[in-house]
N, C-alpha and C. Protein backbone atom coordinates (compact mmCIF):
# COMPACT_ATOMS: atom_id res chain seq x y z
N UNK A 1 9.57 -20.24 -12.89
CA UNK A 1 9.88 -20.54 -11.87
C UNK A 1 10.48 -19.73 -10.56
N UNK A 2 10.89 -18.86 -11.00
CA UNK A 2 11.39 -18.03 -9.84
C UNK A 2 9.84 -17.45 -8.93
N UNK A 3 9.05 -17.00 -9.74
CA UNK A 3 7.80 -16.22 -9.36
C UNK A 3 7.20 -17.84 -8.47
N UNK A 4 7.20 -18.99 -8.41
CA UNK A 4 6.88 -20.23 -7.98
C UNK A 4 7.53 -20.35 -6.64
N UNK A 5 8.49 -20.32 -7.10
CA UNK A 5 9.31 -20.68 -5.54
C UNK A 5 9.41 -18.82 -4.73
N UNK A 6 9.23 -17.63 -5.01
CA UNK A 6 8.80 -17.28 -3.99
C UNK A 6 7.37 -17.18 -3.53
N UNK A 7 6.33 -17.34 -4.66
CA UNK A 7 4.58 -17.73 -3.66
C UNK A 7 5.65 -18.31 -3.05
N UNK A 8 6.00 -19.96 -3.04
CA UNK A 8 6.13 -20.42 -2.22
C UNK A 8 6.59 -20.65 -0.80
N UNK A 9 7.56 -19.83 -0.94
CA UNK A 9 8.36 -19.19 -0.11
C UNK A 9 7.31 -18.30 1.19
N UNK A 10 6.34 -17.15 0.39
CA UNK A 10 5.20 -16.46 1.38
C UNK A 10 4.68 -17.48 1.80
N UNK A 11 3.70 -18.18 1.03
CA UNK A 11 3.05 -19.71 1.70
C UNK A 11 3.82 -20.17 2.91
N UNK A 12 5.16 -20.39 3.46
CA UNK A 12 5.82 -21.39 3.80
C UNK A 12 5.76 -20.26 5.14
N UNK A 13 6.34 -19.15 4.55
CA UNK A 13 6.47 -18.05 5.74
C UNK A 13 5.34 -17.71 6.69
N UNK A 14 4.33 -17.61 5.92
CA UNK A 14 3.10 -16.53 6.66
C UNK A 14 2.71 -17.99 7.49
N UNK A 15 2.82 -18.81 7.60
CA UNK A 15 2.60 -20.44 8.34
C UNK A 15 3.49 -20.06 9.21
N UNK A 16 4.31 -19.65 9.36
CA UNK A 16 5.16 -19.15 10.38
C UNK A 16 5.20 -18.07 11.06
N UNK A 17 4.81 -16.88 10.65
CA UNK A 17 5.40 -15.62 11.51
C UNK A 17 4.88 -14.41 10.68
N UNK A 18 4.54 -14.66 9.41
CA UNK A 18 3.27 -13.47 8.78
C UNK A 18 4.17 -12.68 8.44
N UNK A 19 5.38 -13.14 8.11
CA UNK A 19 6.52 -11.71 7.40
C UNK A 19 7.29 -12.39 6.04
N UNK A 20 7.55 -11.99 5.43
CA UNK A 20 8.00 -12.03 4.09
C UNK A 20 9.93 -11.86 3.83
N UNK A 21 10.42 -12.85 3.36
CA UNK A 21 11.80 -12.66 3.08
C UNK A 21 11.71 -12.21 2.41
N UNK A 22 11.93 -10.98 1.56
CA UNK A 22 12.19 -10.29 0.57
C UNK A 22 13.16 -9.37 0.55
N UNK A 23 14.12 -9.48 -0.40
CA UNK A 23 15.08 -8.39 -0.58
C UNK A 23 14.42 -6.78 -0.99
N UNK A 24 14.74 -5.65 -0.11
CA UNK A 24 14.18 -5.05 -1.16
C UNK A 24 15.22 -4.03 -1.22
N UNK A 25 15.57 -3.89 -3.17
CA UNK A 25 16.64 -3.40 -3.37
C UNK A 25 16.62 -2.17 -2.79
N UNK A 26 17.57 -1.41 -2.86
CA UNK A 26 18.48 0.18 -2.41
C UNK A 26 17.35 1.11 -2.97
N UNK A 27 17.21 1.06 -4.28
CA UNK A 27 16.93 1.77 -5.48
C UNK A 27 15.59 2.14 -4.86
N UNK A 28 14.84 1.44 -4.31
CA UNK A 28 13.14 1.75 -4.26
C UNK A 28 13.39 2.40 -3.63
N UNK A 29 14.12 3.00 -2.62
CA UNK A 29 14.28 4.20 -1.53
C UNK A 29 13.19 4.18 -0.36
N UNK A 30 13.24 2.86 0.19
CA UNK A 30 11.90 2.78 1.75
C UNK A 30 13.03 3.62 2.09
N UNK A 31 12.58 4.08 3.37
CA UNK A 31 13.23 4.11 5.00
C UNK A 31 12.99 3.21 6.02
N UNK A 32 12.01 2.26 5.69
CA UNK A 32 11.66 1.51 6.64
C UNK A 32 11.55 0.03 5.78
N UNK A 33 11.32 -0.89 6.91
CA UNK A 33 11.99 -2.85 6.14
C UNK A 33 10.98 -3.06 6.65
N UNK A 34 10.99 -4.79 6.21
CA UNK A 34 9.93 -5.60 6.25
C UNK A 34 10.19 -6.00 7.69
N UNK A 35 9.55 -6.45 8.36
CA UNK A 35 9.61 -6.61 9.67
C UNK A 35 9.64 -5.70 11.14
N UNK A 36 9.27 -4.04 10.73
CA UNK A 36 9.63 -3.04 11.17
C UNK A 36 7.74 -3.30 11.15
N UNK A 37 7.60 -2.21 12.61
CA UNK A 37 6.09 -1.45 12.74
C UNK A 37 5.89 -0.61 11.83
N UNK A 38 4.96 -0.63 11.51
CA UNK A 38 4.77 0.73 10.49
C UNK A 38 4.39 2.18 10.93
N UNK A 39 5.11 3.18 10.63
CA UNK A 39 5.25 4.57 11.26
C UNK A 39 3.58 4.82 11.52
N UNK A 40 3.21 5.21 12.69
CA UNK A 40 2.18 5.83 13.07
C UNK A 40 1.75 7.17 12.39
N UNK A 41 0.44 7.47 12.03
CA UNK A 41 0.58 8.28 10.82
C UNK A 41 -1.52 8.80 11.23
N UNK A 42 -1.69 10.02 11.03
CA UNK A 42 -3.21 10.83 10.99
C UNK A 42 -3.42 11.51 9.61
N UNK A 43 -4.18 11.48 9.38
CA UNK A 43 -4.58 11.92 8.28
C UNK A 43 -6.14 12.45 7.62
N UNK A 44 -6.34 13.36 6.84
CA UNK A 44 -7.37 13.29 6.70
C UNK A 44 -7.40 13.12 4.92
N UNK A 45 -9.04 12.25 4.89
CA UNK A 45 -9.64 11.75 3.71
C UNK A 45 -9.99 12.89 2.34
N UNK A 46 -10.30 12.59 1.33
CA UNK A 46 -10.67 13.38 0.34
C UNK A 46 -11.90 13.91 0.45
N UNK A 47 -12.76 12.97 1.20
CA UNK A 47 -14.15 13.43 1.74
C UNK A 47 -14.05 13.84 3.08
N UNK A 48 -12.98 14.46 3.90
CA UNK A 48 -12.55 15.03 4.93
C UNK A 48 -12.70 14.05 6.06
N UNK A 49 -12.88 12.90 6.14
CA UNK A 49 -13.10 11.96 7.69
C UNK A 49 -11.55 11.86 8.10
N UNK A 50 -11.46 12.30 8.95
CA UNK A 50 -10.09 11.78 9.98
C UNK A 50 -9.60 10.35 9.61
N UNK A 51 -8.43 9.82 9.83
CA UNK A 51 -8.19 8.62 9.66
C UNK A 51 -6.33 8.28 10.59
N UNK A 52 -6.97 7.69 11.86
CA UNK A 52 -5.67 7.30 12.38
C UNK A 52 -4.97 5.74 12.10
N UNK A 53 -4.27 5.72 11.59
CA UNK A 53 -3.27 4.56 11.35
C UNK A 53 -3.42 3.55 12.61
N UNK A 54 -3.59 3.86 13.75
CA UNK A 54 -3.46 2.80 15.03
C UNK A 54 -4.88 2.34 15.22
N UNK A 55 -6.08 2.61 14.36
CA UNK A 55 -6.90 2.30 14.53
C UNK A 55 -7.61 1.42 13.89
N UNK A 56 -6.47 0.74 12.85
CA UNK A 56 -6.73 -0.26 12.07
C UNK A 56 -6.06 -1.38 12.35
N UNK A 57 -5.26 -1.29 13.83
CA UNK A 57 -4.26 -2.49 14.07
C UNK A 57 -5.73 -3.73 14.36
N UNK A 58 -5.01 -4.57 13.98
CA UNK A 58 -5.72 -5.92 13.86
C UNK A 58 -6.45 -5.98 12.71
N UNK A 59 -6.21 -4.84 11.68
CA UNK A 59 -6.52 -5.22 10.17
C UNK A 59 -5.20 -5.15 9.09
N UNK A 60 -5.61 -6.52 8.05
CA UNK A 60 -4.30 -6.02 7.42
C UNK A 60 -4.91 -5.06 6.35
N UNK A 61 -3.83 -3.75 6.68
CA UNK A 61 -3.46 -2.37 5.68
C UNK A 61 -2.58 -2.45 4.30
N UNK A 62 -3.16 -2.12 3.37
CA UNK A 62 -2.70 -1.31 2.35
C UNK A 62 -2.40 -0.14 2.18
N UNK A 63 -1.20 0.15 2.11
CA UNK A 63 -1.45 1.72 2.04
C UNK A 63 -0.50 2.05 0.32
N UNK A 64 -1.12 2.43 -0.13
CA UNK A 64 -0.95 3.12 -1.71
C UNK A 64 -0.34 4.33 -1.96
N UNK A 65 1.24 4.61 -2.06
CA UNK A 65 1.51 6.23 -2.11
C UNK A 65 1.62 6.36 -3.74
N UNK A 66 0.66 7.83 -4.07
CA UNK A 66 0.46 8.05 -5.71
C UNK A 66 0.19 9.80 -5.66
N UNK A 67 0.14 9.98 -6.60
CA UNK A 67 0.05 11.68 -7.22
C UNK A 67 -0.60 11.69 -7.94
N UNK A 68 -1.33 12.83 -8.27
CA UNK A 68 -1.94 12.59 -10.12
C UNK A 68 -1.15 13.21 -11.00
N UNK A 69 0.07 13.42 -10.98
CA UNK A 69 0.91 13.42 -11.89
C UNK A 69 1.52 12.58 -12.47
N UNK A 70 1.67 11.20 -11.20
CA UNK A 70 2.50 9.94 -11.64
C UNK A 70 1.84 9.34 -12.67
N UNK A 71 1.98 9.22 -14.18
CA UNK A 71 1.84 8.19 -15.17
C UNK A 71 1.50 6.75 -14.53
N UNK A 72 2.67 6.24 -13.72
CA UNK A 72 2.80 4.93 -13.64
C UNK A 72 1.49 4.64 -12.18
N UNK A 73 1.36 5.53 -11.37
CA UNK A 73 0.76 5.56 -10.36
C UNK A 73 -1.05 5.33 -11.54
N UNK A 74 -1.26 6.10 -11.77
CA UNK A 74 -2.70 5.92 -12.96
C UNK A 74 -2.68 4.84 -13.84
N UNK A 75 -1.49 4.18 -14.22
CA UNK A 75 -1.69 3.14 -14.52
C UNK A 75 -1.69 1.66 -13.37
N UNK A 76 -1.45 1.73 -12.32
CA UNK A 76 -1.83 0.57 -11.55
C UNK A 76 -2.84 1.20 -10.76
N UNK A 77 -3.64 1.91 -10.53
CA UNK A 77 -4.27 2.15 -9.68
C UNK A 77 -6.05 1.41 -10.05
N UNK A 78 -6.28 1.42 -11.39
CA UNK A 78 -7.43 0.63 -12.05
C UNK A 78 -7.11 -0.88 -11.64
N UNK A 79 -5.88 -1.11 -11.65
CA UNK A 79 -5.74 -2.78 -11.33
C UNK A 79 -5.72 -3.12 -9.57
N UNK A 80 -5.42 -1.92 -8.88
CA UNK A 80 -5.58 -1.75 -6.91
C UNK A 80 -7.41 -2.22 -7.18
N UNK A 81 -7.66 -1.02 -7.97
CA UNK A 81 -9.59 -1.23 -7.53
C UNK A 81 -10.06 -2.04 -7.92
N UNK A 82 -9.88 -2.61 -9.16
CA UNK A 82 -10.35 -4.59 -9.54
C UNK A 82 -9.59 -5.19 -8.76
N UNK A 83 -8.09 -5.52 -8.62
CA UNK A 83 -8.28 -7.18 -8.19
C UNK A 83 -8.14 -7.11 -6.89
N UNK A 84 -7.98 -5.82 -5.78
CA UNK A 84 -7.68 -5.61 -4.49
C UNK A 84 -8.67 -5.28 -4.22
N UNK A 85 -8.86 -3.96 -4.11
CA UNK A 85 -10.15 -3.24 -3.30
C UNK A 85 -11.36 -3.98 -3.60
N UNK A 86 -11.92 -4.09 -5.16
CA UNK A 86 -13.12 -5.04 -5.45
C UNK A 86 -13.49 -5.84 -4.55
N UNK A 87 -12.18 -6.54 -4.39
CA UNK A 87 -11.99 -8.24 -4.03
C UNK A 87 -12.08 -8.32 -2.51
N UNK A 88 -11.77 -7.33 -1.73
CA UNK A 88 -11.85 -7.00 -0.40
C UNK A 88 -12.21 -6.20 0.29
N UNK A 89 -12.56 -5.14 -0.23
CA UNK A 89 -13.64 -4.12 0.68
C UNK A 89 -14.83 -3.95 1.39
N UNK A 90 -15.30 -5.18 1.49
CA UNK A 90 -16.36 -5.63 2.13
C UNK A 90 -15.79 -6.45 3.62
N UNK A 91 -14.44 -7.04 3.24
CA UNK A 91 -13.92 -7.82 4.39
C UNK A 91 -13.33 -7.13 5.38
N UNK A 92 -14.24 -7.26 6.33
CA UNK A 92 -13.98 -6.39 7.82
C UNK A 92 -12.77 -6.04 8.62
N UNK A 93 -11.48 -7.04 7.83
CA UNK A 93 -10.35 -7.13 8.76
C UNK A 93 -9.45 -6.97 7.22
N UNK A 94 -9.99 -5.99 6.36
CA UNK A 94 -9.23 -5.21 5.25
C UNK A 94 -9.24 -3.91 5.60
N UNK A 95 -8.13 -3.30 4.85
CA UNK A 95 -8.63 -1.83 5.06
C UNK A 95 -7.39 -1.61 3.75
N UNK A 96 -7.49 -0.59 2.94
CA UNK A 96 -6.59 -0.11 1.81
C UNK A 96 -7.16 1.64 1.98
N UNK A 97 -5.80 2.37 1.73
CA UNK A 97 -5.69 3.42 1.61
C UNK A 97 -4.33 4.09 0.27
N UNK A 98 -5.60 5.24 -0.81
CA UNK A 98 -4.37 5.31 -1.01
C UNK A 98 -3.56 6.97 -0.63
N UNK A 99 -2.57 7.11 -0.56
CA UNK A 99 -2.27 8.45 0.21
C UNK A 99 -1.21 9.30 -0.99
N UNK A 100 -2.25 10.36 -1.40
CA UNK A 100 -1.37 11.43 -2.32
C UNK A 100 -0.93 12.30 -1.79
N UNK A 101 0.39 12.30 -2.29
CA UNK A 101 1.51 13.26 -2.07
C UNK A 101 1.90 14.59 -2.32
N UNK A 102 1.19 15.49 -1.44
CA UNK A 102 0.93 16.91 -1.57
C UNK A 102 0.53 17.52 -2.59
N UNK A 103 -1.30 17.19 -2.85
CA UNK A 103 -2.17 17.69 -3.57
C UNK A 103 -3.23 18.52 -2.84
N UNK A 104 -3.64 19.08 -3.06
CA UNK A 104 -5.14 19.97 -2.74
C UNK A 104 -5.91 18.76 -2.76
N UNK A 105 -7.45 19.10 -1.66
CA UNK A 105 -8.04 18.21 -1.99
C UNK A 105 -9.12 18.15 -3.12
N UNK A 106 -8.97 19.45 -3.98
CA UNK A 106 -9.92 19.21 -5.41
C UNK A 106 -9.19 18.24 -5.84
N UNK A 107 -7.76 18.54 -6.28
CA UNK A 107 -7.24 17.28 -6.95
C UNK A 107 -6.99 16.43 -7.22
N UNK A 108 -7.20 15.85 -5.69
CA UNK A 108 -7.36 14.54 -5.42
C UNK A 108 -8.81 14.10 -5.45
N UNK A 109 -9.34 14.41 -5.34
CA UNK A 109 -10.80 14.28 -5.78
C UNK A 109 -11.51 13.75 -7.07
N UNK A 110 -10.42 15.04 -7.85
CA UNK A 110 -10.78 14.91 -9.28
C UNK A 110 -9.99 13.97 -9.96
N UNK A 111 -9.07 13.21 -9.11
CA UNK A 111 -7.90 12.13 -9.70
C UNK A 111 -8.68 11.32 -9.28
N UNK A 112 -9.37 10.59 -8.16
CA UNK A 112 -9.95 10.02 -8.25
C UNK A 112 -11.30 9.65 -9.00
N UNK A 113 -12.17 10.52 -9.42
CA UNK A 113 -13.00 10.24 -10.32
C UNK A 113 -12.35 10.24 -11.73
N UNK A 114 -11.17 10.32 -11.82
CA UNK A 114 -10.81 10.31 -13.24
C UNK A 114 -10.17 8.80 -13.78
N UNK A 115 -9.71 8.18 -12.40
CA UNK A 115 -9.27 7.24 -12.66
C UNK A 115 -10.24 5.95 -13.19
N UNK A 116 -11.50 5.41 -12.33
CA UNK A 116 -11.63 5.90 -11.06
C UNK A 116 -11.39 4.75 -9.93
N UNK A 117 -11.23 5.63 -8.95
CA UNK A 117 -11.11 4.59 -8.12
C UNK A 117 -11.76 4.87 -7.18
N UNK A 118 -12.33 3.89 -6.08
CA UNK A 118 -13.60 3.80 -4.92
C UNK A 118 -13.08 3.65 -3.54
N UNK A 119 -11.83 3.63 -3.69
CA UNK A 119 -11.34 3.11 -2.04
C UNK A 119 -10.51 4.92 -1.58
N UNK A 120 -10.70 5.14 -0.25
CA UNK A 120 -10.08 6.10 0.09
C UNK A 120 -9.09 6.34 -0.45
N UNK A 121 -9.07 8.08 -0.62
CA UNK A 121 -7.39 8.91 -0.90
C UNK A 121 -7.43 9.35 0.22
N UNK A 122 -6.03 9.40 1.10
CA UNK A 122 -5.69 10.56 1.82
C UNK A 122 -5.12 11.65 1.19
N UNK A 123 -5.44 12.80 2.20
CA UNK A 123 -4.61 13.99 1.91
C UNK A 123 -2.80 13.81 2.66
N UNK A 124 -1.84 14.06 2.14
CA UNK A 124 -0.04 13.94 2.71
C UNK A 124 0.25 15.28 2.47
N UNK A 125 -0.21 16.52 3.30
CA UNK A 125 0.48 17.44 2.83
C UNK A 125 1.91 17.77 3.29
N UNK A 126 2.92 18.24 1.93
CA UNK A 126 4.33 18.17 2.47
C UNK A 126 4.87 16.82 2.62
N UNK A 127 3.85 15.93 2.21
CA UNK A 127 4.87 14.53 2.26
C UNK A 127 4.88 13.81 3.58
N UNK A 128 4.26 14.25 4.58
CA UNK A 128 4.36 14.11 6.01
C UNK A 128 4.31 12.60 6.45
N UNK A 129 3.51 11.84 5.38
CA UNK A 129 3.47 10.32 5.60
C UNK A 129 4.09 9.82 5.03
N UNK A 130 4.39 10.18 3.91
CA UNK A 130 5.24 9.67 2.69
C UNK A 130 6.83 9.17 2.95
N UNK A 131 7.36 10.60 3.93
CA UNK A 131 8.93 10.43 4.01
C UNK A 131 8.52 9.50 5.27
N UNK A 132 7.85 9.24 6.05
CA UNK A 132 7.94 8.02 6.94
C UNK A 132 8.34 6.66 6.57
N UNK A 133 7.99 6.62 5.30
CA UNK A 133 8.39 5.34 4.50
C UNK A 133 9.31 5.11 3.28
N UNK A 134 9.53 6.44 3.04
CA UNK A 134 10.29 6.59 1.64
C UNK A 134 11.22 7.79 1.87
N UNK A 135 12.42 7.61 1.17
CA UNK A 135 13.33 9.28 1.32
C UNK A 135 13.32 9.93 0.18
N UNK A 136 14.01 11.16 1.12
CA UNK A 136 12.86 12.63 0.26
C UNK A 136 13.16 12.53 -1.30
N UNK A 137 12.97 12.70 -2.15
CA UNK A 137 12.95 12.87 -3.59
C UNK A 137 12.88 11.16 -4.34
N UNK A 138 11.88 10.71 -3.47
CA UNK A 138 11.96 8.83 -4.35
C UNK A 138 10.46 9.06 -4.61
N UNK A 139 10.04 7.89 -5.85
CA UNK A 139 8.96 8.29 -6.04
C UNK A 139 8.01 7.62 -5.74
N UNK A 140 6.63 7.62 -6.19
CA UNK A 140 5.11 7.99 -5.52
C UNK A 140 4.65 6.48 -5.51
N UNK A 141 5.30 6.10 -6.71
CA UNK A 141 4.30 4.87 -7.26
C UNK A 141 4.70 3.20 -6.41
N UNK A 142 4.32 3.20 -5.19
CA UNK A 142 4.64 2.45 -4.02
C UNK A 142 3.69 1.70 -2.93
N UNK A 143 3.85 0.46 -2.96
CA UNK A 143 2.49 -0.24 -1.71
C UNK A 143 3.27 -0.74 -0.85
N UNK A 144 2.60 -0.69 0.58
CA UNK A 144 3.07 -0.91 1.76
C UNK A 144 2.31 -1.81 2.28
N UNK A 145 2.06 -3.31 2.68
CA UNK A 145 1.65 -4.31 2.94
C UNK A 145 1.94 -4.43 4.44
N UNK A 146 0.54 -4.13 5.55
CA UNK A 146 0.94 -3.91 7.54
C UNK A 146 0.59 -5.17 7.64
N UNK A 147 0.36 -6.10 8.51
CA UNK A 147 -0.11 -7.77 9.03
C UNK A 147 -1.10 -6.91 10.01
N UNK A 148 -1.68 -7.60 10.84
CA UNK A 148 -2.52 -7.36 11.74
C UNK A 148 -2.09 -6.65 12.85
N UNK A 149 -0.89 -7.21 13.39
CA UNK A 149 -0.11 -6.53 14.21
C UNK A 149 0.59 -5.12 14.11
N UNK A 150 0.64 -4.81 12.69
CA UNK A 150 1.28 -3.40 12.42
C UNK A 150 2.36 -3.50 12.11
N UNK A 151 2.72 -4.65 11.72
CA UNK A 151 4.41 -4.87 11.06
C UNK A 151 4.21 -5.17 9.59
N UNK A 152 5.20 -4.45 8.92
CA UNK A 152 5.21 -4.19 7.51
C UNK A 152 5.35 -5.86 6.70
N UNK A 153 5.09 -6.37 6.37
CA UNK A 153 5.56 -7.63 5.61
C UNK A 153 5.58 -7.20 4.09
N UNK A 154 5.21 -6.47 3.35
CA UNK A 154 5.86 -6.51 1.80
C UNK A 154 5.51 -5.18 0.93
N UNK A 155 6.68 -4.88 0.58
CA UNK A 155 6.56 -3.45 -0.39
C UNK A 155 7.10 -3.57 -2.15
N UNK A 156 6.65 -2.60 -2.58
CA UNK A 156 6.44 -2.94 -3.95
C UNK A 156 7.36 -1.52 -4.18
N UNK A 157 7.67 -1.31 -5.59
CA UNK A 157 7.95 -0.10 -6.19
C UNK A 157 7.54 0.06 -7.65
N UNK A 158 6.76 0.85 -8.44
CA UNK A 158 6.38 0.95 -9.48
C UNK A 158 5.63 -0.07 -9.93
N UNK A 159 5.00 -0.36 -10.95
CA UNK A 159 4.05 -1.31 -11.31
C UNK A 159 4.51 -2.32 -12.16
N UNK A 160 5.01 -3.52 -11.63
CA UNK A 160 5.27 -4.83 -12.37
C UNK A 160 4.67 -5.88 -12.05
N UNK A 161 3.86 -6.11 -12.81
CA UNK A 161 3.02 -7.32 -12.88
C UNK A 161 3.31 -8.32 -11.82
N UNK A 162 4.58 -9.03 -12.21
CA UNK A 162 4.52 -10.13 -11.16
C UNK A 162 4.54 -9.30 -9.33
N UNK A 163 5.10 -8.86 -9.29
CA UNK A 163 5.54 -7.97 -7.92
C UNK A 163 3.86 -7.86 -7.60
N UNK A 164 2.97 -7.39 -8.29
CA UNK A 164 1.43 -6.99 -8.29
C UNK A 164 0.98 -8.08 -8.06
N UNK A 165 1.39 -9.39 -8.37
CA UNK A 165 0.65 -10.66 -8.34
C UNK A 165 0.83 -11.15 -7.24
N UNK A 166 2.14 -10.70 -6.84
CA UNK A 166 2.85 -11.76 -5.31
C UNK A 166 2.24 -10.41 -4.43
N UNK A 167 1.66 -9.54 -4.04
CA UNK A 167 1.39 -8.55 -3.42
C UNK A 167 -0.25 -9.07 -3.10
N UNK A 168 -0.88 -9.08 -4.25
CA UNK A 168 -2.27 -9.66 -4.11
C UNK A 168 -2.10 -11.45 -3.32
N UNK A 169 -0.86 -12.30 -3.33
CA UNK A 169 -0.96 -13.55 -2.78
C UNK A 169 -0.65 -12.97 -1.73
N UNK A 170 0.00 -12.44 -1.25
CA UNK A 170 0.39 -11.99 0.36
C UNK A 170 -1.09 -11.20 1.03
N UNK A 171 -2.06 -10.40 0.39
CA UNK A 171 -2.56 -10.13 1.22
C UNK A 171 -3.92 -11.06 0.88
N UNK A 172 -4.20 -12.05 0.50
CA UNK A 172 -4.49 -13.27 0.43
C UNK A 172 -4.88 -14.11 1.39
N UNK A 173 -3.06 -14.44 1.68
CA UNK A 173 -2.85 -15.23 2.60
C UNK A 173 -2.89 -14.63 3.87
N UNK A 174 -2.72 -13.09 4.34
CA UNK A 174 -2.96 -12.34 5.80
C UNK A 174 -4.12 -12.66 5.83
N UNK A 175 -5.49 -12.45 4.77
CA UNK A 175 -6.71 -12.24 4.76
C UNK A 175 -7.31 -13.75 5.24
N UNK A 176 -6.83 -15.01 5.41
CA UNK A 176 -6.95 -16.18 5.64
C UNK A 176 -6.89 -16.39 6.87
């Protein structure tokens, strides 16, 4: 029942303002909040492309924070690949980036092959991007959904199937 009520809230909320009334527990370790503009960043992908967040204004963007040593990330990433990336990768209004916390390019490339995932993984030396979103010492398994105006509309922590399913609903609604 609770999940149906939240989905109804999401649908109602998106028809009004494309934001979600979701309370983010303090133990999620975010330093950003729903309703805020997403922090700007520039990064290099594992294949060498330069990515500027500002270039994706006008698109729905999913940021997936990860690392090769993270067991929960390894469990969640195949779901992201199959249920989100494969569903929306050809939609010109959608972008998805995995942001790998402080690992060298070769390790990130191997990580992508091992899982496997085909969505772009960005390098985040010293956590410069990660710490714009999360507290020092916070865990990496987290996702941030950003609407077409650059506003944060949904955030997750760890891999919880119910929250993951809600996140997919948010993305689908934003892309309609």
